[in-house]
Amino acid sequence: MERDDLEYVGFWPRVGAAIIDSLLVAAICWPLLTYFYGTEYWTNTDFVRGPADFILNWVFPAVAVILFWVYRQATPGKMAISARIVDAKTGEAPRTRQLIGRYLAYYVSIIPFCLGLIWVAFDARKQGWHDKLAGTVVVRARKRGTETVRFDD
């Protein structure tokens, strides 16, 4: 099935969306981390300073991102660029299990020098490794792209 009204979202728009999301998470977490641990938190080299550190840096972002994906198919950054995550085969909303797998697959994409994220720039369907592993694509209403979006039925 092809969708002439959609285009794959490429590397640079997705970088912009990630910057927006990172700034939002930082705006929420940094003041709280400073409140709980003081300004010395920012010069400490411990991997995790305590429970609030773990919750704010690991649990909160994971839960927030997955909930946005489940209920909106996008994080605020992706919403800002009118992008959404869909199942690569059907074009429908991905299953929750798929989205959790996508989040975990980000680590696979990041660990080898972020090659799995950079892959978006070179892939025909603009899929990072996390998208390929989860069976998702990121799409938006056609604006300027020439590649027709295809879903494997």
N, C-alpha and C. Protein backbone atom coordinates (compact mmCIF):
# COMPACT_ATOMS: atom_id res chain seq x y z
N MET A 1 0.84 -1.17 0.00
CA MET A 1 0.00 0.00 0.00
C MET A 1 0.89 1.23 0.00
N GLU A 2 0.57 2.19 -0.83
CA GLU A 2 1.31 3.44 -0.88
C GLU A 2 0.45 4.58 -0.39
N ARG A 3 1.09 5.58 0.18
CA ARG A 3 0.38 6.76 0.68
C ARG A 3 1.01 7.99 0.05
N ASP A 4 0.36 8.56 -0.95
CA ASP A 4 0.88 9.75 -1.62
C ASP A 4 0.81 10.99 -0.75
N ASP A 5 0.02 10.95 0.31
CA ASP A 5 -0.16 12.12 1.16
C ASP A 5 0.87 12.20 2.29
N LEU A 6 1.76 11.20 2.39
CA LEU A 6 2.75 11.15 3.47
C LEU A 6 4.16 11.16 2.91
N GLU A 7 5.09 11.63 3.72
CA GLU A 7 6.51 11.54 3.40
C GLU A 7 7.26 11.04 4.62
N TYR A 8 8.39 10.39 4.40
CA TYR A 8 9.26 10.00 5.50
C TYR A 8 9.93 11.24 6.05
N VAL A 9 10.15 11.26 7.35
CA VAL A 9 10.80 12.40 7.98
C VAL A 9 12.30 12.10 8.06
N GLY A 10 13.09 12.99 7.50
CA GLY A 10 14.52 12.79 7.39
C GLY A 10 15.32 13.15 8.62
N PHE A 11 16.61 13.12 8.44
CA PHE A 11 17.57 13.28 9.53
C PHE A 11 17.48 14.63 10.22
N TRP A 12 17.58 15.73 9.50
CA TRP A 12 17.65 17.05 10.13
C TRP A 12 16.36 17.44 10.85
N PRO A 13 15.18 17.19 10.27
CA PRO A 13 13.98 17.48 11.06
C PRO A 13 13.93 16.66 12.35
N ARG A 14 14.39 15.43 12.29
CA ARG A 14 14.38 14.59 13.49
C ARG A 14 15.42 15.07 14.51
N VAL A 15 16.53 15.60 14.04
CA VAL A 15 17.50 16.21 14.96
C VAL A 15 16.85 17.40 15.66
N GLY A 16 16.15 18.23 14.90
CA GLY A 16 15.46 19.37 15.49
C GLY A 16 14.45 18.93 16.53
N ALA A 17 13.69 17.88 16.22
CA ALA A 17 12.71 17.36 17.17
C ALA A 17 13.40 16.85 18.44
N ALA A 18 14.52 16.18 18.28
CA ALA A 18 15.26 15.67 19.44
C ALA A 18 15.80 16.81 20.30
N ILE A 19 16.21 17.89 19.67
CA ILE A 19 16.69 19.05 20.44
C ILE A 19 15.54 19.64 21.26
N ILE A 20 14.37 19.78 20.64
CA ILE A 20 13.20 20.29 21.36
C ILE A 20 12.89 19.40 22.56
N ASP A 21 12.84 18.09 22.33
CA ASP A 21 12.55 17.16 23.42
C ASP A 21 13.60 17.22 24.53
N SER A 22 14.86 17.31 24.14
CA SER A 22 15.94 17.38 25.14
C SER A 22 15.84 18.65 25.97
N LEU A 23 15.52 19.77 25.34
CA LEU A 23 15.37 21.02 26.07
C LEU A 23 14.19 20.96 27.04
N LEU A 24 13.10 20.33 26.63
CA LEU A 24 11.94 20.19 27.52
C LEU A 24 12.27 19.33 28.74
N VAL A 25 12.92 18.21 28.51
CA VAL A 25 13.30 17.33 29.61
C VAL A 25 14.28 18.05 30.54
N ALA A 26 15.24 18.76 29.96
CA ALA A 26 16.21 19.50 30.77
C ALA A 26 15.52 20.58 31.60
N ALA A 27 14.56 21.27 31.00
CA ALA A 27 13.85 22.34 31.73
C ALA A 27 13.09 21.80 32.93
N ILE A 28 12.67 20.56 32.85
CA ILE A 28 11.95 19.94 33.97
C ILE A 28 12.94 19.33 34.97
N CYS A 29 13.92 18.59 34.47
CA CYS A 29 14.79 17.81 35.35
C CYS A 29 15.90 18.61 36.01
N TRP A 30 16.53 19.52 35.30
CA TRP A 30 17.69 20.23 35.86
C TRP A 30 17.34 21.01 37.13
N PRO A 31 16.26 21.78 37.15
CA PRO A 31 15.95 22.47 38.41
C PRO A 31 15.67 21.50 39.56
N LEU A 32 15.01 20.39 39.25
CA LEU A 32 14.71 19.40 40.29
C LEU A 32 16.00 18.74 40.80
N LEU A 33 16.90 18.41 39.90
CA LEU A 33 18.17 17.82 40.32
C LEU A 33 18.97 18.79 41.19
N THR A 34 18.96 20.07 40.81
CA THR A 34 19.64 21.08 41.61
C THR A 34 18.97 21.23 42.97
N TYR A 35 17.65 21.17 43.00
CA TYR A 35 16.92 21.26 44.25
C TYR A 35 17.29 20.10 45.19
N PHE A 36 17.30 18.88 44.64
CA PHE A 36 17.57 17.71 45.48
C PHE A 36 19.03 17.57 45.89
N TYR A 37 19.97 17.93 45.00
CA TYR A 37 21.38 17.64 45.24
C TYR A 37 22.27 18.88 45.34
N GLY A 38 21.71 20.05 45.09
CA GLY A 38 22.50 21.28 45.14
C GLY A 38 23.33 21.46 43.88
N THR A 39 23.98 22.58 43.78
CA THR A 39 24.77 22.89 42.58
C THR A 39 25.98 21.98 42.42
N GLU A 40 26.43 21.35 43.51
CA GLU A 40 27.56 20.43 43.39
C GLU A 40 27.20 19.18 42.57
N TYR A 41 25.93 18.96 42.36
CA TYR A 41 25.50 17.84 41.50
C TYR A 41 26.17 17.93 40.14
N TRP A 42 26.31 19.13 39.62
CA TRP A 42 26.78 19.34 38.25
C TRP A 42 28.28 19.14 38.10
N THR A 43 29.01 19.05 39.19
CA THR A 43 30.45 18.79 39.11
C THR A 43 30.83 17.42 39.64
N ASN A 44 29.87 16.69 40.18
CA ASN A 44 30.12 15.36 40.72
C ASN A 44 30.27 14.36 39.58
N THR A 45 31.15 13.40 39.72
CA THR A 45 31.39 12.42 38.65
C THR A 45 30.70 11.08 38.87
N ASP A 46 29.92 10.95 39.94
CA ASP A 46 29.20 9.70 40.17
C ASP A 46 28.20 9.47 39.04
N PHE A 47 28.05 8.20 38.63
CA PHE A 47 27.13 7.88 37.54
C PHE A 47 25.69 8.16 37.96
N VAL A 48 25.33 7.75 39.16
CA VAL A 48 24.00 8.03 39.72
C VAL A 48 24.21 8.50 41.16
N ARG A 49 23.70 9.67 41.47
CA ARG A 49 23.90 10.27 42.80
C ARG A 49 22.92 9.74 43.83
N GLY A 50 21.78 9.25 43.42
CA GLY A 50 20.80 8.78 44.38
C GLY A 50 19.48 8.49 43.70
N PRO A 51 18.45 8.19 44.49
CA PRO A 51 17.15 7.81 43.91
C PRO A 51 16.53 8.90 43.01
N ALA A 52 16.59 10.15 43.44
CA ALA A 52 16.00 11.22 42.63
C ALA A 52 16.75 11.35 41.31
N ASP A 53 18.05 11.19 41.34
CA ASP A 53 18.88 11.25 40.13
C ASP A 53 18.44 10.14 39.16
N PHE A 54 18.32 8.93 39.68
CA PHE A 54 17.91 7.79 38.84
C PHE A 54 16.52 8.02 38.25
N ILE A 55 15.60 8.46 39.08
CA ILE A 55 14.22 8.68 38.61
C ILE A 55 14.17 9.79 37.57
N LEU A 56 14.83 10.91 37.82
CA LEU A 56 14.75 12.07 36.92
C LEU A 56 15.53 11.89 35.63
N ASN A 57 16.63 11.16 35.68
CA ASN A 57 17.45 11.00 34.48
C ASN A 57 17.18 9.74 33.67
N TRP A 58 16.59 8.73 34.29
CA TRP A 58 16.38 7.47 33.59
C TRP A 58 14.90 7.08 33.50
N VAL A 59 14.20 7.09 34.62
CA VAL A 59 12.82 6.63 34.63
C VAL A 59 11.87 7.65 34.01
N PHE A 60 11.91 8.89 34.48
CA PHE A 60 11.01 9.93 33.96
C PHE A 60 11.09 10.08 32.44
N PRO A 61 12.28 10.25 31.85
CA PRO A 61 12.31 10.40 30.39
C PRO A 61 11.75 9.19 29.66
N ALA A 62 12.07 7.99 30.13
CA ALA A 62 11.57 6.78 29.47
C ALA A 62 10.05 6.71 29.53
N VAL A 63 9.49 6.93 30.71
CA VAL A 63 8.03 6.86 30.87
C VAL A 63 7.36 7.96 30.06
N ALA A 64 7.90 9.18 30.12
CA ALA A 64 7.29 10.30 29.40
C ALA A 64 7.31 10.05 27.90
N VAL A 65 8.43 9.64 27.36
CA VAL A 65 8.55 9.40 25.92
C VAL A 65 7.59 8.30 25.48
N ILE A 66 7.59 7.19 26.19
CA ILE A 66 6.73 6.07 25.80
C ILE A 66 5.26 6.46 25.90
N LEU A 67 4.88 7.19 26.95
CA LEU A 67 3.48 7.63 27.05
C LEU A 67 3.10 8.57 25.91
N PHE A 68 3.98 9.51 25.56
CA PHE A 68 3.70 10.38 24.41
C PHE A 68 3.55 9.56 23.14
N TRP A 69 4.43 8.58 22.94
CA TRP A 69 4.35 7.74 21.75
C TRP A 69 3.05 6.95 21.72
N VAL A 70 2.64 6.40 22.86
CA VAL A 70 1.43 5.59 22.91
C VAL A 70 0.18 6.43 22.64
N TYR A 71 0.10 7.59 23.28
CA TYR A 71 -1.12 8.40 23.18
C TYR A 71 -1.13 9.41 22.05
N ARG A 72 0.04 9.83 21.56
CA ARG A 72 0.09 10.85 20.51
C ARG A 72 0.88 10.41 19.29
N GLN A 73 1.54 9.27 19.35
CA GLN A 73 2.43 8.77 18.31
C GLN A 73 3.60 9.71 18.07
N ALA A 74 3.88 10.58 19.01
CA ALA A 74 4.97 11.54 18.85
C ALA A 74 5.29 12.19 20.18
N THR A 75 6.52 12.61 20.32
CA THR A 75 6.93 13.45 21.45
C THR A 75 6.62 14.90 21.08
N PRO A 76 6.72 15.82 22.02
CA PRO A 76 6.49 17.23 21.66
C PRO A 76 7.37 17.71 20.50
N GLY A 77 8.61 17.27 20.45
CA GLY A 77 9.48 17.65 19.34
C GLY A 77 8.97 17.16 18.00
N LYS A 78 8.54 15.91 17.96
CA LYS A 78 7.98 15.38 16.71
C LYS A 78 6.66 16.08 16.37
N MET A 79 5.86 16.40 17.39
CA MET A 79 4.62 17.14 17.13
C MET A 79 4.92 18.51 16.53
N ALA A 80 6.01 19.15 16.98
CA ALA A 80 6.38 20.47 16.47
C ALA A 80 6.70 20.43 14.98
N ILE A 81 7.17 19.29 14.49
CA ILE A 81 7.48 19.17 13.06
C ILE A 81 6.40 18.35 12.34
N SER A 82 5.27 18.15 13.00
CA SER A 82 4.13 17.42 12.43
C SER A 82 4.46 15.99 12.04
N ALA A 83 5.34 15.36 12.81
CA ALA A 83 5.73 13.98 12.53
C ALA A 83 5.05 13.04 13.51
N ARG A 84 4.90 11.78 13.08
CA ARG A 84 4.36 10.76 13.97
C ARG A 84 4.99 9.42 13.64
N ILE A 85 4.99 8.56 14.63
CA ILE A 85 5.56 7.22 14.49
C ILE A 85 4.43 6.28 14.12
N VAL A 86 4.67 5.46 13.09
CA VAL A 86 3.67 4.48 12.67
C VAL A 86 4.34 3.13 12.46
N ASP A 87 3.53 2.10 12.45
CA ASP A 87 4.00 0.75 12.16
C ASP A 87 4.48 0.72 10.71
N ALA A 88 5.66 0.17 10.47
CA ALA A 88 6.24 0.17 9.13
C ALA A 88 5.50 -0.72 8.15
N LYS A 89 4.75 -1.71 8.63
CA LYS A 89 4.02 -2.61 7.74
C LYS A 89 2.62 -2.12 7.42
N THR A 90 1.94 -1.55 8.41
CA THR A 90 0.52 -1.22 8.23
C THR A 90 0.24 0.27 8.13
N GLY A 91 1.13 1.10 8.66
CA GLY A 91 0.88 2.53 8.70
C GLY A 91 -0.02 2.94 9.86
N GLU A 92 -0.41 1.98 10.65
CA GLU A 92 -1.27 2.25 11.82
C GLU A 92 -0.40 2.61 13.02
N ALA A 93 -1.06 2.98 14.12
CA ALA A 93 -0.34 3.26 15.36
C ALA A 93 0.39 2.00 15.81
N PRO A 94 1.64 2.13 16.21
CA PRO A 94 2.38 0.96 16.70
C PRO A 94 1.78 0.45 18.01
N ARG A 95 2.02 -0.83 18.28
CA ARG A 95 1.59 -1.42 19.55
C ARG A 95 2.50 -0.90 20.67
N THR A 96 1.99 -0.91 21.87
CA THR A 96 2.77 -0.44 23.03
C THR A 96 4.07 -1.23 23.15
N ARG A 97 3.99 -2.52 22.97
CA ARG A 97 5.18 -3.37 23.04
C ARG A 97 6.23 -2.94 22.01
N GLN A 98 5.77 -2.59 20.83
CA GLN A 98 6.66 -2.10 19.77
C GLN A 98 7.36 -0.81 20.21
N LEU A 99 6.60 0.08 20.83
CA LEU A 99 7.14 1.37 21.24
C LEU A 99 8.13 1.24 22.39
N ILE A 100 7.87 0.32 23.31
CA ILE A 100 8.83 0.06 24.38
C ILE A 100 10.12 -0.50 23.77
N GLY A 101 9.97 -1.41 22.83
CA GLY A 101 11.14 -1.95 22.12
C GLY A 101 11.89 -0.87 21.37
N ARG A 102 11.17 0.07 20.78
CA ARG A 102 11.79 1.18 20.06
C ARG A 102 12.62 2.03 21.01
N TYR A 103 12.08 2.31 22.19
CA TYR A 103 12.83 3.10 23.17
C TYR A 103 14.11 2.36 23.57
N LEU A 104 14.01 1.09 23.89
CA LEU A 104 15.19 0.31 24.28
C LEU A 104 16.19 0.21 23.13
N ALA A 105 15.67 0.16 21.91
CA ALA A 105 16.55 0.05 20.74
C ALA A 105 17.34 1.34 20.49
N TYR A 106 16.91 2.45 21.08
CA TYR A 106 17.72 3.67 20.99
C TYR A 106 19.12 3.42 21.52
N TYR A 107 19.25 2.61 22.56
CA TYR A 107 20.57 2.32 23.12
C TYR A 107 21.42 1.57 22.11
N VAL A 108 20.81 0.67 21.35
CA VAL A 108 21.52 -0.04 20.28
C VAL A 108 21.98 0.96 19.23
N SER A 109 21.14 1.94 18.93
CA SER A 109 21.48 2.96 17.93
C SER A 109 22.57 3.91 18.41
N ILE A 110 22.62 4.17 19.69
CA ILE A 110 23.53 5.17 20.24
C ILE A 110 24.91 4.60 20.54
N ILE A 111 24.98 3.38 21.04
CA ILE A 111 26.25 2.84 21.55
C ILE A 111 27.38 2.88 20.53
N PRO A 112 27.18 2.43 19.28
CA PRO A 112 28.32 2.49 18.37
C PRO A 112 28.45 3.87 17.70
N PHE A 113 28.88 4.86 18.47
CA PHE A 113 29.13 6.21 17.94
C PHE A 113 27.91 6.86 17.29
N CYS A 114 26.74 6.53 17.79
CA CYS A 114 25.45 7.06 17.27
C CYS A 114 25.19 6.68 15.82
N LEU A 115 25.84 5.64 15.34
CA LEU A 115 25.67 5.24 13.94
C LEU A 115 24.23 4.87 13.61
N GLY A 116 23.53 4.29 14.58
CA GLY A 116 22.14 3.91 14.34
C GLY A 116 21.22 5.10 14.18
N LEU A 117 21.57 6.23 14.77
CA LEU A 117 20.80 7.46 14.58
C LEU A 117 21.19 8.13 13.27
N ILE A 118 22.47 8.17 12.97
CA ILE A 118 22.95 8.78 11.73
C ILE A 118 22.42 8.01 10.52
N TRP A 119 22.13 6.73 10.71
CA TRP A 119 21.62 5.88 9.63
C TRP A 119 20.38 6.49 8.97
N VAL A 120 19.60 7.24 9.73
CA VAL A 120 18.39 7.90 9.20
C VAL A 120 18.73 8.72 7.95
N ALA A 121 19.90 9.35 7.93
CA ALA A 121 20.29 10.21 6.82
C ALA A 121 20.50 9.43 5.52
N PHE A 122 20.79 8.14 5.62
CA PHE A 122 21.16 7.37 4.43
C PHE A 122 20.13 6.31 4.04
N ASP A 123 19.20 6.02 4.91
CA ASP A 123 18.23 4.96 4.66
C ASP A 123 17.12 5.47 3.74
N ALA A 124 16.67 4.65 2.81
CA ALA A 124 15.62 5.04 1.86
C ALA A 124 14.31 5.40 2.57
N ARG A 125 13.99 4.69 3.65
CA ARG A 125 12.76 4.97 4.40
C ARG A 125 13.02 5.84 5.63
N LYS A 126 14.23 6.38 5.72
CA LYS A 126 14.62 7.26 6.82
C LYS A 126 14.46 6.59 8.18
N GLN A 127 14.78 5.29 8.23
CA GLN A 127 14.70 4.53 9.47
C GLN A 127 16.06 4.47 10.15
N GLY A 128 16.09 4.79 11.45
CA GLY A 128 17.26 4.51 12.25
C GLY A 128 17.22 3.05 12.65
N TRP A 129 18.29 2.58 13.27
CA TRP A 129 18.31 1.19 13.69
C TRP A 129 17.19 0.91 14.68
N HIS A 130 16.87 1.88 15.52
CA HIS A 130 15.79 1.70 16.49
C HIS A 130 14.45 1.52 15.77
N ASP A 131 14.26 2.22 14.66
CA ASP A 131 13.05 2.04 13.85
C ASP A 131 13.02 0.66 13.21
N LYS A 132 14.13 0.26 12.65
CA LYS A 132 14.20 -1.05 12.00
C LYS A 132 13.94 -2.18 13.00
N LEU A 133 14.56 -2.08 14.18
CA LEU A 133 14.37 -3.11 15.19
C LEU A 133 12.93 -3.17 15.70
N ALA A 134 12.28 -2.01 15.78
CA ALA A 134 10.91 -1.96 16.30
C ALA A 134 9.86 -2.09 15.20
N GLY A 135 10.27 -2.01 13.95
CA GLY A 135 9.31 -2.09 12.85
C GLY A 135 8.47 -0.83 12.73
N THR A 136 9.11 0.35 12.86
CA THR A 136 8.40 1.62 12.77
C THR A 136 9.03 2.52 11.72
N VAL A 137 8.27 3.51 11.28
CA VAL A 137 8.79 4.60 10.46
C VAL A 137 8.22 5.90 11.00
N VAL A 138 8.90 6.99 10.72
CA VAL A 138 8.44 8.31 11.14
C VAL A 138 7.97 9.04 9.88
N VAL A 139 6.71 9.48 9.90
CA VAL A 139 6.11 10.11 8.72
C VAL A 139 5.44 11.43 9.09
N ARG A 140 5.12 12.20 8.08
CA ARG A 140 4.32 13.41 8.24
C ARG A 140 3.63 13.68 6.92
N ALA A 141 2.68 14.61 6.95
CA ALA A 141 1.99 14.99 5.73
C ALA A 141 3.02 15.48 4.72
N ARG A 142 2.82 15.12 3.47
CA ARG A 142 3.78 15.46 2.43
C ARG A 142 3.95 16.97 2.34
N LYS A 143 5.21 17.40 2.38
CA LYS A 143 5.52 18.82 2.26
C LYS A 143 6.47 19.06 1.09
N ARG A 144 7.53 18.28 1.06
CA ARG A 144 8.53 18.52 0.03
C ARG A 144 9.21 17.25 -0.45
N GLY A 145 8.90 16.14 0.16
CA GLY A 145 9.57 14.90 -0.20
C GLY A 145 9.06 14.33 -1.51
N THR A 146 9.86 13.52 -2.11
CA THR A 146 9.49 12.90 -3.38
C THR A 146 9.27 11.40 -3.24
N GLU A 147 9.74 10.82 -2.14
CA GLU A 147 9.62 9.38 -1.93
C GLU A 147 8.24 9.05 -1.39
N THR A 148 7.49 8.21 -2.10
CA THR A 148 6.17 7.77 -1.65
C THR A 148 6.33 6.80 -0.49
N VAL A 149 5.53 6.96 0.53
CA VAL A 149 5.57 6.07 1.69
C VAL A 149 4.87 4.76 1.34
N ARG A 150 5.56 3.64 1.63
CA ARG A 150 5.02 2.31 1.35
C ARG A 150 4.92 1.53 2.64
N PHE A 151 3.82 0.83 2.80
CA PHE A 151 3.64 -0.07 3.94
C PHE A 151 3.47 -1.47 3.40
N ASP A 152 4.14 -2.43 4.01
CA ASP A 152 4.08 -3.82 3.58
C ASP A 152 2.85 -4.46 4.17
N ASP A 153 1.89 -4.75 3.37
CA ASP A 153 0.67 -5.40 3.88
C ASP A 153 0.83 -6.88 3.93
